[in-house]
C-alpha atoms as a PDB file:
ATOM      1  CA  MET A   1       0.000   0.000   0.000  1.00  0.00           C
ATOM      2  CA  ASN A   2       1.429   3.381  -1.038  1.00  0.00           C
ATOM      3  CA  THR A   3       1.731   6.136   1.507  1.00  0.00           C
ATOM      4  CA  PRO A   4      -0.248   9.208   0.361  1.00  0.00           C
ATOM      5  CA  THR A   5       1.746  12.350  -0.387  1.00  0.00           C
ATOM      6  CA  ILE A   6       0.743  15.575   1.374  1.00  0.00           C
ATOM      7  CA  VAL A   7       1.354  18.396  -1.096  1.00  0.00           C
ATOM      8  CA  GLY A   8       2.982  21.537   0.241  1.00  0.00           C
ATOM      9  CA  ARG A   9       4.131  20.012   3.534  1.00  0.00           C
ATOM     10  CA  SER A  10       7.426  18.479   4.494  1.00  0.00           C
ATOM     11  CA  ALA A  11       7.258  14.860   5.536  1.00  0.00           C
ATOM     12  CA  ARG A  12       7.293  14.272   9.276  1.00  0.00           C
ATOM     13  CA  PRO A  13       8.020  11.036  11.066  1.00  0.00           C
ATOM     14  CA  ALA A  14       5.100   9.350  12.750  1.00  0.00           C
ATOM     15  CA  PRO A  15       4.951  10.074  16.488  1.00  0.00           C
ATOM     16  CA  GLU A  16       6.451   7.437  18.719  1.00  0.00           C
ATOM     17  CA  PRO A  17       4.074   5.438  20.917  1.00  0.00           C
ATOM     18  CA  GLU A  18       3.506   7.158  24.268  1.00  0.00           C
ATOM     19  CA  ASP A  19       5.554   5.772  27.118  1.00  0.00           C
ATOM     20  CA  PRO A  20       2.983   4.335  29.543  1.00  0.00           C
ATOM     21  CA  MET A  21       5.155   5.281  32.536  1.00  0.00           C
ATOM     22  CA  ARG A  22       5.331   8.820  31.268  1.00  0.00           C
ATOM     23  CA  ALA A  23       1.566   8.927  30.856  1.00  0.00           C
ATOM     24  CA  GLU A  24       1.110   7.900  34.463  1.00  0.00           C
ATOM     25  CA  GLN A  25       3.179  10.902  35.549  1.00  0.00           C
ATOM     26  CA  SER A  26       1.191  13.413  33.484  1.00  0.00           C
ATOM     27  CA  PRO A  27       0.329  16.499  35.538  1.00  0.00           C
ATOM     28  CA  SER A  28      -3.216  16.328  34.140  1.00  0.00           C
ATOM     29  CA  GLU A  29      -3.850  13.125  36.071  1.00  0.00           C
ATOM     30  CA  PRO A  30      -4.878  13.267  39.737  1.00  0.00           C
ATOM     31  CA  SER A  31      -2.013  12.361  41.999  1.00  0.00           C
ATOM     32  CA  PRO A  32      -2.406   8.929  43.560  1.00  0.00           C
ATOM     33  CA  ARG A  33      -1.680  10.656  46.850  1.00  0.00           C
ATOM     34  CA  TYR A  34      -5.130  12.231  46.796  1.00  0.00           C
ATOM     35  CA  ALA A  35      -8.347  10.379  47.547  1.00  0.00           C
ATOM     36  CA  GLU A  36     -11.507  10.441  45.485  1.00  0.00           C
ATOM     37  CA  LEU A  37     -13.872  12.541  47.599  1.00  0.00           C
ATOM     38  CA  ALA A  38     -16.931  13.024  45.395  1.00  0.00           C
ATOM     39  CA  GLU A  39     -18.377  12.148  42.012  1.00  0.00           C
ATOM     40  CA  VAL A  40     -20.713  14.039  39.709  1.00  0.00           C
ATOM     41  CA  VAL A  41     -23.450  11.774  38.356  1.00  0.00           C
ATOM     42  CA  ARG A  42     -25.528  12.927  35.365  1.00  0.00           C
ATOM     43  CA  SER A  43     -28.366  10.721  34.154  1.00  0.00           C
ATOM     44  CA  GLY A  44     -26.776   7.701  35.810  1.00  0.00           C
ATOM     45  CA  PHE A  45     -23.334   8.417  34.289  1.00  0.00           C
ATOM     46  CA  VAL A  46     -20.297   9.486  36.326  1.00  0.00           C
ATOM     47  CA  GLU A  47     -19.355  12.706  34.544  1.00  0.00           C
ATOM     48  CA  SER A  48     -16.648  14.071  36.843  1.00  0.00           C
ATOM     49  CA  ARG A  49     -14.741  13.191  39.995  1.00  0.00           C
ATOM     50  CA  HIS A  50     -13.277  15.392  42.700  1.00  0.00           C
ATOM     51  CA  PHE A  51     -10.047  14.350  44.417  1.00  0.00           C
ATOM     52  CA  GLY A  52      -8.381  15.821  47.461  1.00  0.00           C
ATOM     53  CA  SER A  53      -7.715  15.348  51.150  1.00  0.00           C
ATOM     54  CA  LEU A  54      -9.854  15.203  54.265  1.00  0.00           C
ATOM     55  CA  VAL A  55      -9.226  14.789  57.954  1.00  0.00           C
ATOM     56  CA  ALA A  56     -11.803  14.239  60.699  1.00  0.00           C
ATOM     57  CA  LEU A  57     -10.854  14.612  64.359  1.00  0.00           C
ATOM     58  CA  GLY A  58     -12.714  12.862  67.143  1.00  0.00           C
ATOM     59  CA  PRO A  59     -13.734  14.561  70.397  1.00  0.00           C
ATOM     60  CA  ASP A  60     -10.303  13.735  71.809  1.00  0.00           C
ATOM     61  CA  GLY A  61      -8.666  15.772  69.041  1.00  0.00           C
ATOM     62  CA  ARG A  62      -7.043  12.777  67.386  1.00  0.00           C
ATOM     63  CA  PRO A  63      -7.574  11.857  63.719  1.00  0.00           C
ATOM     64  CA  ALA A  64     -10.467   9.410  63.374  1.00  0.00           C
ATOM     65  CA  LEU A  65     -10.493   9.502  59.554  1.00  0.00           C
ATOM     66  CA  GLU A  66      -7.770  10.533  57.101  1.00  0.00           C
ATOM     67  CA  LEU A  67      -8.128  10.573  53.328  1.00  0.00           C
ATOM     68  CA  GLY A  68      -5.502  11.723  50.847  1.00  0.00           C
ATOM     69  CA  VAL A  69      -2.640  13.674  52.380  1.00  0.00           C
ATOM     70  CA  PRO A  70      -3.957  15.735  55.301  1.00  0.00           C
ATOM     71  CA  GLY A  71      -0.370  16.353  56.398  1.00  0.00           C
ATOM     72  CA  GLU A  72       0.271  18.403  53.249  1.00  0.00           C
ATOM     73  CA  PRO A  73       0.150  22.205  53.706  1.00  0.00           C
ATOM     74  CA  VAL A  74      -2.798  24.018  52.145  1.00  0.00           C
ATOM     75  CA  VAL A  75      -3.668  27.688  51.766  1.00  0.00           C
ATOM     76  CA  PRO A  76      -6.830  27.925  53.883  1.00  0.00           C
ATOM     77  CA  ARG A  77      -8.176  31.033  52.185  1.00  0.00           C
ATOM     78  CA  SER A  78     -11.330  32.288  53.935  1.00  0.00           C
ATOM     79  CA  SER A  79     -11.477  29.264  56.220  1.00  0.00           C
ATOM     80  CA  ALA A  80      -8.817  31.154  58.194  1.00  0.00           C
ATOM     81  CA  LYS A  81     -11.087  34.152  58.867  1.00  0.00           C
ATOM     82  CA  PRO A  82     -12.112  32.975  62.349  1.00  0.00           C
ATOM     83  CA  PHE A  83      -8.407  32.989  63.289  1.00  0.00           C
ATOM     84  CA  GLN A  84      -7.979  36.465  61.819  1.00  0.00           C
ATOM     85  CA  ALA A  85     -11.001  37.673  63.807  1.00  0.00           C
ATOM     86  CA  LEU A  86      -9.417  36.177  66.923  1.00  0.00           C
ATOM     87  CA  ALA A  87      -6.240  38.189  66.346  1.00  0.00           C
ATOM     88  CA  CYS A  88      -8.304  41.372  66.024  1.00  0.00           C
ATOM     89  CA  LEU A  89      -9.904  40.711  69.414  1.00  0.00           C
ATOM     90  CA  ARG A  90      -6.550  39.903  70.971  1.00  0.00           C
ATOM     91  CA  ALA A  91      -5.250  43.221  69.654  1.00  0.00           C
ATOM     92  CA  GLY A  92      -8.053  45.011  71.487  1.00  0.00           C
ATOM     93  CA  ALA A  93     -10.651  45.632  68.772  1.00  0.00           C
ATOM     94  CA  PRO A  94     -13.877  46.489  70.657  1.00  0.00           C
ATOM     95  CA  LEU A  95     -16.063  44.100  68.658  1.00  0.00           C
ATOM     96  CA  ARG A  96     -19.067  42.181  69.910  1.00  0.00           C
ATOM     97  CA  GLY A  97     -21.821  39.998  68.504  1.00  0.00           C
ATOM     98  CA  ALA A  98     -22.560  40.457  64.812  1.00  0.00           C
ATOM     99  CA  HIS A  99     -19.439  42.569  64.357  1.00  0.00           C
ATOM    100  CA  VAL A 100     -17.278  39.613  65.413  1.00  0.00           C
ATOM    101  CA  ALA A 101     -19.275  37.255  63.201  1.00  0.00           C
ATOM    102  CA  ILE A 102     -18.807  39.388  60.083  1.00  0.00           C
ATOM    103  CA  ALA A 103     -15.088  39.680  60.871  1.00  0.00           C
ATOM    104  CA  ALA A 104     -14.936  35.864  60.871  1.00  0.00           C
ATOM    105  CA  GLY A 105     -17.167  35.510  57.818  1.00  0.00           C
ATOM    106  CA  SER A 106     -17.403  35.855  54.067  1.00  0.00           C
ATOM    107  CA  HIS A 107     -20.582  37.880  53.739  1.00  0.00           C
ATOM    108  CA  THR A 108     -22.715  38.085  50.607  1.00  0.00           C
ATOM    109  CA  GLY A 109     -22.879  41.874  50.467  1.00  0.00           C
ATOM    110  CA  GLN A 110     -26.445  42.368  51.642  1.00  0.00           C
ATOM    111  CA  ASP A 111     -27.414  45.754  53.031  1.00  0.00           C
ATOM    112  CA  PHE A 112     -27.267  44.626  56.665  1.00  0.00           C
ATOM    113  CA  HIS A 113     -23.724  43.360  56.043  1.00  0.00           C
ATOM    114  CA  VAL A 114     -22.664  46.758  54.722  1.00  0.00           C
ATOM    115  CA  GLU A 115     -24.245  48.453  57.738  1.00  0.00           C
ATOM    116  CA  ALA A 116     -22.214  46.257  60.088  1.00  0.00           C
ATOM    117  CA  VAL A 117     -18.984  47.022  58.229  1.00  0.00           C
ATOM    118  CA  GLU A 118     -19.715  50.747  58.351  1.00  0.00           C
ATOM    119  CA  GLU A 119     -20.454  50.515  62.089  1.00  0.00           C
ATOM    120  CA  ILE A 120     -17.107  48.817  62.753  1.00  0.00           C
ATOM    121  CA  LEU A 121     -15.273  51.486  60.775  1.00  0.00           C
ATOM    122  CA  ALA A 122     -17.189  54.348  62.390  1.00  0.00           C
ATOM    123  CA  GLY A 123     -16.363  52.978  65.832  1.00  0.00           C
ATOM    124  CA  ALA A 124     -12.696  53.289  64.902  1.00  0.00           C
ATOM    125  CA  GLY A 125     -13.149  56.778  63.475  1.00  0.00           C
ATOM    126  CA  LEU A 126     -12.692  55.542  59.899  1.00  0.00           C
ATOM    127  CA  THR A 127     -14.655  55.306  56.665  1.00  0.00           C
ATOM    128  CA  GLY A 128     -14.707  52.881  53.766  1.00  0.00           C
ATOM    129  CA  GLU A 129     -11.813  54.792  52.223  1.00  0.00           C
ATOM    130  CA  ALA A 130      -9.492  53.069  54.698  1.00  0.00           C
ATOM    131  CA  LEU A 131     -10.395  49.591  53.424  1.00  0.00           C
ATOM    132  CA  ARG A 132      -7.752  48.015  51.230  1.00  0.00           C
ATOM    133  CA  CYS A 133      -9.877  45.158  49.902  1.00  0.00           C
ATOM    134  CA  PRO A 134     -10.945  45.653  46.263  1.00  0.00           C
ATOM    135  CA  ALA A 135     -14.325  47.057  45.291  1.00  0.00           C
ATOM    136  CA  SER A 136     -16.763  44.317  44.372  1.00  0.00           C
ATOM    137  CA  ARG A 137     -20.357  43.561  43.518  1.00  0.00           C
ATOM    138  CA  PRO A 138     -22.341  41.736  46.222  1.00  0.00           C
ATOM    139  CA  GLU A 139     -22.618  37.966  45.905  1.00  0.00           C
ATOM    140  CA  ASP A 140     -26.297  38.134  46.853  1.00  0.00           C
ATOM    141  CA  GLU A 141     -28.137  38.338  43.524  1.00  0.00           C
ATOM    142  CA  ALA A 142     -31.220  40.180  44.830  1.00  0.00           C
ATOM    143  CA  THR A 143     -29.010  42.842  46.371  1.00  0.00           C
ATOM    144  CA  TYR A 144     -27.005  43.158  43.165  1.00  0.00           C
ATOM    145  CA  ARG A 145     -30.146  43.585  41.034  1.00  0.00           C
ATOM    146  CA  ALA A 146     -31.402  46.266  43.408  1.00  0.00           C
ATOM    147  CA  MET A 147     -28.064  48.081  43.160  1.00  0.00           C
ATOM    148  CA  ILE A 148     -28.232  48.013  39.374  1.00  0.00           C
ATOM    149  CA  GLY A 149     -31.746  49.441  39.528  1.00  0.00           C
ATOM    150  CA  ARG A 150     -30.504  52.277  41.728  1.00  0.00           C
ATOM    151  CA  GLY A 151     -27.427  52.859  39.601  1.00  0.00           C
ATOM    152  CA  GLU A 152     -25.072  52.099  42.491  1.00  0.00           C
ATOM    153  CA  PRO A 153     -21.451  51.150  41.725  1.00  0.00           C
ATOM    154  CA  ASP A 154     -19.460  48.307  43.232  1.00  0.00           C
ATOM    155  CA  THR A 155     -17.857  49.265  46.549  1.00  0.00           C
ATOM    156  CA  ARG A 156     -15.237  47.948  48.934  1.00  0.00           C
ATOM    157  CA  GLU A 157     -17.913  47.535  51.618  1.00  0.00           C
ATOM    158  CA  ARG A 158     -19.809  45.052  49.400  1.00  0.00           C
ATOM    159  CA  MET A 159     -16.730  42.849  49.012  1.00  0.00           C
ATOM    160  CA  ASN A 160     -17.124  39.571  50.927  1.00  0.00           C
ATOM    161  CA  CYS A 161     -13.962  40.183  52.979  1.00  0.00           C
ATOM    162  CA  SER A 162     -14.790  43.744  54.055  1.00  0.00           C
ATOM    163  CA  GLY A 163     -15.858  42.618  57.536  1.00  0.00           C
ATOM    164  CA  LYS A 164     -12.437  41.126  58.133  1.00  0.00           C
ATOM    165  CA  HIS A 165     -10.706  44.225  56.789  1.00  0.00           C
ATOM    166  CA  ALA A 166     -12.834  46.569  58.902  1.00  0.00           C
ATOM    167  CA  ALA A 167     -12.020  44.501  61.994  1.00  0.00           C
ATOM    168  CA  MET A 168      -8.320  44.617  61.148  1.00  0.00           C
ATOM    169  CA  LEU A 169      -8.453  48.388  60.893  1.00  0.00           C
ATOM    170  CA  ALA A 170     -10.353  48.622  64.190  1.00  0.00           C
ATOM    171  CA  ALA A 171      -7.709  46.430  65.807  1.00  0.00           C
ATOM    172  CA  CYS A 172      -4.925  48.678  64.549  1.00  0.00           C
ATOM    173  CA  VAL A 173      -6.628  51.776  65.953  1.00  0.00           C
ATOM    174  CA  ALA A 174      -7.222  50.058  69.303  1.00  0.00           C
ATOM    175  CA  ALA A 175      -3.629  48.883  69.570  1.00  0.00           C
ATOM    176  CA  GLY A 176      -2.104  52.140  68.368  1.00  0.00           C
ATOM    177  CA  TRP A 177      -0.655  50.533  65.250  1.00  0.00           C
ATOM    178  CA  PRO A 178      -0.589  52.292  61.863  1.00  0.00           C
ATOM    179  CA  THR A 179      -3.577  51.608  59.633  1.00  0.00           C
ATOM    180  CA  GLU A 180      -1.430  52.244  56.597  1.00  0.00           C
ATOM    181  CA  GLY A 181       0.194  49.017  55.522  1.00  0.00           C
ATOM    182  CA  TYR A 182      -2.072  46.856  57.698  1.00  0.00           C
ATOM    183  CA  LEU A 183      -1.884  44.129  55.029  1.00  0.00           C
ATOM    184  CA  ASP A 184       1.889  43.852  55.137  1.00  0.00           C
ATOM    185  CA  PRO A 185       2.831  40.378  56.475  1.00  0.00           C
ATOM    186  CA  ASN A 186       5.281  42.098  58.829  1.00  0.00           C
ATOM    187  CA  HIS A 187       2.702  44.507  60.243  1.00  0.00           C
ATOM    188  CA  PRO A 188       2.168  43.880  63.990  1.00  0.00           C
ATOM    189  CA  LEU A 189      -1.415  42.772  63.377  1.00  0.00           C
ATOM    190  CA  GLN A 190      -0.456  40.191  60.748  1.00  0.00           C
ATOM    191  CA  LEU A 191       2.313  38.895  62.996  1.00  0.00           C
ATOM    192  CA  LEU A 192      -0.359  38.449  65.682  1.00  0.00           C
ATOM    193  CA  VAL A 193      -2.555  36.559  63.185  1.00  0.00           C
ATOM    194  CA  ARG A 194       0.345  34.266  62.354  1.00  0.00           C
ATOM    195  CA  GLU A 195       1.154  33.718  66.031  1.00  0.00           C
ATOM    196  CA  GLY A 196      -2.453  32.764  66.776  1.00  0.00           C
ATOM    197  CA  ILE A 197      -2.644  30.343  63.870  1.00  0.00           C
ATOM    198  CA  GLU A 198       0.532  28.595  64.950  1.00  0.00           C
ATOM    199  CA  GLU A 199      -0.807  28.361  68.495  1.00  0.00           C
ATOM    200  CA  LEU A 200      -4.213  26.909  67.572  1.00  0.00           C
ATOM    201  CA  ALA A 201      -2.935  24.667  64.765  1.00  0.00           C
ATOM    202  CA  ALA A 202      -0.035  23.474  66.933  1.00  0.00           C
ATOM    203  CA  GLU A 203       2.414  23.809  64.053  1.00  0.00           C
ATOM    204  CA  ARG A 204       4.533  26.359  62.236  1.00  0.00           C
ATOM    205  CA  VAL A 205       3.166  28.262  59.261  1.00  0.00           C
ATOM    206  CA  ALA A 206       4.393  26.569  56.089  1.00  0.00           C
ATOM    207  CA  HIS A 207       4.073  29.476  53.657  1.00  0.00           C
ATOM    208  CA  THR A 208       2.808  33.047  53.418  1.00  0.00           C
ATOM    209  CA  ALA A 209       0.647  33.962  50.422  1.00  0.00           C
ATOM    210  CA  VAL A 210      -1.611  36.849  49.368  1.00  0.00           C
ATOM    211  CA  ASP A 211      -5.331  36.151  49.540  1.00  0.00           C
ATOM    212  CA  GLY A 212      -7.842  37.347  46.945  1.00  0.00           C
ATOM    213  CA  CYS A 213      -8.717  40.342  49.116  1.00  0.00           C
ATOM    214  CA  GLY A 214      -5.066  41.359  49.448  1.00  0.00           C
ATOM    215  CA  ALA A 215      -4.553  40.182  53.043  1.00  0.00           C
ATOM    216  CA  PRO A 216      -1.801  37.741  53.981  1.00  0.00           C
ATOM    217  CA  VAL A 217      -2.952  34.131  54.253  1.00  0.00           C
ATOM    218  CA  PHE A 218      -0.854  31.563  56.058  1.00  0.00           C
ATOM    219  CA  ALA A 219      -0.534  27.979  54.863  1.00  0.00           C
ATOM    220  CA  MET A 220      -0.806  25.098  57.299  1.00  0.00           C
ATOM    221  CA  THR A 221      -1.518  21.398  57.072  1.00  0.00           C
ATOM    222  CA  LEU A 222      -5.106  20.270  56.754  1.00  0.00           C
ATOM    223  CA  THR A 223      -4.735  18.534  60.114  1.00  0.00           C
ATOM    224  CA  GLY A 224      -3.498  21.787  61.649  1.00  0.00           C
ATOM    225  CA  LEU A 225      -6.475  23.608  60.163  1.00  0.00           C
ATOM    226  CA  ALA A 226      -8.818  21.074  61.777  1.00  0.00           C
ATOM    227  CA  ARG A 227      -7.038  21.486  65.113  1.00  0.00           C
ATOM    228  CA  GLY A 228      -7.436  25.252  64.833  1.00  0.00           C
ATOM    229  CA  ILE A 229     -11.183  25.311  64.206  1.00  0.00           C
ATOM    230  CA  ARG A 230     -11.652  22.670  66.912  1.00  0.00           C
ATOM    231  CA  ALA A 231      -9.821  24.873  69.428  1.00  0.00           C
ATOM    232  CA  LEU A 232     -12.289  27.682  68.754  1.00  0.00           C
ATOM    233  CA  ALA A 233     -15.317  25.377  68.869  1.00  0.00           C
ATOM    234  CA  ILE A 234     -14.500  23.961  72.303  1.00  0.00           C
ATOM    235  CA  ALA A 235     -13.173  27.165  73.896  1.00  0.00           C
ATOM    236  CA  GLY A 236     -14.821  27.864  77.244  1.00  0.00           C
ATOM    237  CA  SER A 237     -13.696  31.445  77.699  1.00  0.00           C
ATOM    238  CA  GLY A 238     -11.616  34.296  76.306  1.00  0.00           C
ATOM    239  CA  PRO A 239     -11.597  35.772  72.801  1.00  0.00           C
ATOM    240  CA  GLU A 240     -11.645  32.269  71.324  1.00  0.00           C
ATOM    241  CA  ARG A 241     -15.044  31.706  72.925  1.00  0.00           C
ATOM    242  CA  THR A 242     -16.173  35.147  71.734  1.00  0.00           C
ATOM    243  CA  VAL A 243     -15.440  34.255  68.106  1.00  0.00           C
ATOM    244  CA  ALA A 244     -17.229  30.910  68.311  1.00  0.00           C
ATOM    245  CA  THR A 245     -20.264  32.350  70.102  1.00  0.00           C
ATOM    246  CA  ALA A 246     -20.604  35.190  67.612  1.00  0.00           C
ATOM    247  CA  MET A 247     -20.546  32.807  64.654  1.00  0.00           C
ATOM    248  CA  ARG A 248     -23.156  30.559  66.282  1.00  0.00           C
ATOM    249  CA  GLU A 249     -25.471  33.378  67.354  1.00  0.00           C
ATOM    250  CA  HIS A 250     -25.155  35.464  64.174  1.00  0.00           C
ATOM    251  CA  PRO A 251     -24.730  32.977  61.288  1.00  0.00           C
ATOM    252  CA  ALA A 252     -26.269  35.404  58.773  1.00  0.00           C
ATOM    253  CA  TYR A 253     -23.162  37.580  59.175  1.00  0.00           C
ATOM    254  CA  VAL A 254     -20.794  34.651  58.510  1.00  0.00           C
ATOM    255  CA  GLY A 255     -22.327  34.212  55.059  1.00  0.00           C
ATOM    256  CA  GLY A 256     -25.770  35.364  54.080  1.00  0.00           C
ATOM    257  CA  ASP A 257     -29.295  34.200  53.388  1.00  0.00           C
ATOM    258  CA  GLY A 258     -29.188  30.846  51.581  1.00  0.00           C
ATOM    259  CA  GLN A 259     -25.398  30.564  51.848  1.00  0.00           C
ATOM    260  CA  ALA A 260     -24.003  27.184  52.937  1.00  0.00           C
ATOM    261  CA  ASN A 261     -22.073  28.314  56.029  1.00  0.00           C
ATOM    262  CA  THR A 262     -25.038  30.261  57.337  1.00  0.00           C
ATOM    263  CA  GLU A 263     -27.657  27.613  56.686  1.00  0.00           C
ATOM    264  CA  VAL A 264     -25.618  24.728  58.125  1.00  0.00           C
ATOM    265  CA  MET A 265     -25.029  26.673  61.335  1.00  0.00           C
ATOM    266  CA  ARG A 266     -28.716  27.602  61.529  1.00  0.00           C
ATOM    267  CA  LEU A 267     -29.774  23.974  61.055  1.00  0.00           C
ATOM    268  CA  LEU A 268     -27.128  22.486  63.355  1.00  0.00           C
ATOM    269  CA  PRO A 269     -26.887  24.769  66.414  1.00  0.00           C
ATOM    270  CA  GLY A 270     -23.454  24.697  67.975  1.00  0.00           C
ATOM    271  CA  VAL A 271     -21.617  23.734  64.791  1.00  0.00           C
ATOM    272  CA  LEU A 272     -19.039  26.123  63.343  1.00  0.00           C
ATOM    273  CA  ALA A 273     -18.762  26.014  59.545  1.00  0.00           C
ATOM    274  CA  LYS A 274     -16.505  28.115  57.326  1.00  0.00           C
ATOM    275  CA  GLY A 275     -15.649  27.589  53.696  1.00  0.00           C
ATOM    276  CA  GLY A 276     -12.770  29.062  51.761  1.00  0.00           C
ATOM    277  CA  ALA A 277     -11.937  29.536  48.096  1.00  0.00           C
ATOM    278  CA  GLU A 278     -10.300  26.773  46.085  1.00  0.00           C
ATOM    279  CA  GLY A 279     -12.216  23.920  47.705  1.00  0.00           C
ATOM    280  CA  VAL A 280     -11.399  24.415  51.403  1.00  0.00           C
ATOM    281  CA  PHE A 281     -13.948  23.837  54.174  1.00  0.00           C
ATOM    282  CA  VAL A 282     -13.820  23.431  57.949  1.00  0.00           C
ATOM    283  CA  ALA A 283     -16.445  22.481  60.505  1.00  0.00           C
ATOM    284  CA  ALA A 284     -16.401  21.698  64.224  1.00  0.00           C
ATOM    285  CA  THR A 285     -18.786  20.917  67.073  1.00  0.00           C
ATOM    286  CA  THR A 286     -18.921  21.925  70.717  1.00  0.00           C
ATOM    287  CA  ALA A 287     -18.029  18.317  71.631  1.00  0.00           C
ATOM    288  CA  GLY A 288     -14.706  18.579  69.793  1.00  0.00           C
ATOM    289  CA  HIS A 289     -15.406  16.856  66.476  1.00  0.00           C
ATOM    290  CA  ALA A 290     -13.670  18.687  63.631  1.00  0.00           C
ATOM    291  CA  VAL A 291     -13.342  18.307  59.871  1.00  0.00           C
ATOM    292  CA  ALA A 292     -11.062  19.982  57.329  1.00  0.00           C
ATOM    293  CA  ILE A 293     -11.284  19.437  53.574  1.00  0.00           C
ATOM    294  CA  LYS A 294      -9.265  20.452  50.532  1.00  0.00           C
ATOM    295  CA  VAL A 295     -10.583  19.573  47.066  1.00  0.00           C
ATOM    296  CA  ILE A 296      -7.478  19.647  44.937  1.00  0.00           C
ATOM    297  CA  ASP A 297      -9.141  20.937  41.741  1.00  0.00           C
ATOM    298  CA  GLY A 298     -10.384  23.954  43.706  1.00  0.00           C
ATOM    299  CA  SER A 299     -14.113  23.310  43.238  1.00  0.00           C
ATOM    300  CA  PRO A 300     -16.267  24.061  46.303  1.00  0.00           C
ATOM    301  CA  ARG A 301     -19.444  22.387  45.059  1.00  0.00           C
ATOM    302  CA  ALA A 302     -19.046  19.199  47.121  1.00  0.00           C
ATOM    303  CA  THR A 303     -17.360  20.609  50.225  1.00  0.00           C
ATOM    304  CA  THR A 304     -20.441  21.151  52.406  1.00  0.00           C
ATOM    305  CA  ALA A 305     -21.768  17.673  51.629  1.00  0.00           C
ATOM    306  CA  LEU A 306     -18.341  16.219  52.356  1.00  0.00           C
ATOM    307  CA  ALA A 307     -18.105  17.995  55.719  1.00  0.00           C
ATOM    308  CA  LEU A 308     -21.540  16.771  56.766  1.00  0.00           C
ATOM    309  CA  ALA A 309     -20.711  13.226  55.661  1.00  0.00           C
ATOM    310  CA  ALA A 310     -17.461  13.301  57.638  1.00  0.00           C
ATOM    311  CA  LEU A 311     -19.271  14.563  60.740  1.00  0.00           C
ATOM    312  CA  ARG A 312     -21.746  11.699  60.369  1.00  0.00           C
ATOM    313  CA  THR A 313     -18.891   9.191  60.344  1.00  0.00           C
ATOM    314  CA  LEU A 314     -17.873  10.667  63.701  1.00  0.00           C
ATOM    315  CA  GLY A 315     -21.349  10.059  65.086  1.00  0.00           C
ATOM    316  CA  VAL A 316     -22.645  13.626  64.789  1.00  0.00           C
ATOM    317  CA  ASP A 317     -26.377  13.915  64.030  1.00  0.00           C
ATOM    318  CA  THR A 318     -26.622  16.005  60.849  1.00  0.00           C
ATOM    319  CA  ALA A 319     -30.185  15.003  59.898  1.00  0.00           C
ATOM    320  CA  GLU A 320     -31.546  18.551  60.155  1.00  0.00           C
ATOM    321  CA  ALA A 321     -29.111  19.639  57.426  1.00  0.00           C
ATOM    322  CA  HIS A 322     -30.048  16.798  55.046  1.00  0.00           C
ATOM    323  CA  GLU A 323     -30.799  19.220  52.190  1.00  0.00           C
ATOM    324  CA  TRP A 324     -27.090  20.113  52.101  1.00  0.00           C
ATOM    325  CA  THR A 325     -25.863  16.509  51.956  1.00  0.00           C
ATOM    326  CA  THR A 326     -26.145  16.320  48.161  1.00  0.00           C
ATOM    327  CA  VAL A 327     -25.910  18.829  45.326  1.00  0.00           C
ATOM    328  CA  PRO A 328     -28.360  18.468  42.412  1.00  0.00           C
ATOM    329  CA  VAL A 329     -27.065  18.189  38.841  1.00  0.00           C
ATOM    330  CA  LEU A 330     -29.469  19.924  36.458  1.00  0.00           C
ATOM    331  CA  GLY A 331     -30.551  19.221  32.904  1.00  0.00           C
ATOM    332  CA  GLY A 332     -33.017  21.574  31.288  1.00  0.00           C
ATOM    333  CA  GLY A 333     -33.512  23.207  34.658  1.00  0.00           C
ATOM    334  CA  GLU A 334     -34.575  19.939  36.296  1.00  0.00           C
ATOM    335  CA  PRO A 335     -32.564  17.535  38.510  1.00  0.00           C
ATOM    336  CA  VAL A 336     -31.039  14.726  36.463  1.00  0.00           C
ATOM    337  CA  GLY A 337     -28.365  13.602  38.896  1.00  0.00           C
ATOM    338  CA  GLU A 338     -26.329  14.705  41.867  1.00  0.00           C
ATOM    339  CA  VAL A 339     -22.909  15.435  43.259  1.00  0.00           C
ATOM    340  CA  ARG A 340     -22.419  12.737  45.872  1.00  0.00           C
ATOM    341  CA  VAL A 341     -19.680  11.879  48.305  1.00  0.00           C
ATOM    342  CA  SER A 342     -17.536   8.817  47.677  1.00  0.00           C
ATOM    343  CA  SER A 343     -16.856   5.932  50.047  1.00  0.00           C
ATOM    344  CA  PRO A 344     -15.748   5.610  52.849  1.00  0.00           C
ATOM    345  CA  LEU A 345     -17.935   8.641  53.638  1.00  0.00           C
ATOM    346  CA  THR A 346     -21.187   7.080  52.415  1.00  0.00           C
END
């Protein structure tokens, strides 16, 4: 059989067969170090899979379940906000109730969130001009549509991290530290954040990065992250207790109406829940159970269901939050499948 001639192109040798060992090492493949945490099922067909790591601590603080590589450092993103709120209180920020909750939360930009941020700033003698988080639209769609109707622009106060930033500024004023440069990792406030994280996580910070809002974010192992949120959840006194109580009593300020963190805490009184970008989630109970999750592809869609499943494996009753245990997969606007957790969490 003659080989056809391709006119106008130089002949090229046929590609060599792919080395199977090389294919196994392709960066596009999930590392065998990570565990399969969830699968996306559409019309009875597994369409996608989420891999990552998970650790669940029992009431004694020891790991009861470990999947993937929970000893690998992760950037906790907004799951670290309760620790940042703690540092603000330790620095002397005169925050109470909802103001502490919004400092520890990722709010959805509703009007009552903005009012709380403005109150924190006013108490420190500041305005929104002092915030160094970027201007943003609110995540709450109804609020955003109303803003469009009124012709209002995006603002720093609407940004989901503005509560944390306002608390940081209030802490600087209370402690007599400069508000300029409050996001510098070497600023006294950020050093206090780092110190608190290392104390609660019982380990050294592995890396310092810049979060989406511009604040420093300190990497720690997933196990350390679980230890940290557990320490807040079981605290009996002090600023640690203040942070936990504020989140429990004012869950709407930790997220917003219909948001996972808020609704889980409303449905399961006593539980602390805080998600972070890039597939991070933490949860803890007053009895000392704690869970920390990192989905390695960065998707958050399964993290709440995973946290609830992990708590169930520890014996925690999560029945009241059953609507958050699966995520519907839609086709034509109707459910045709679900995102479901993988074994051994089922």
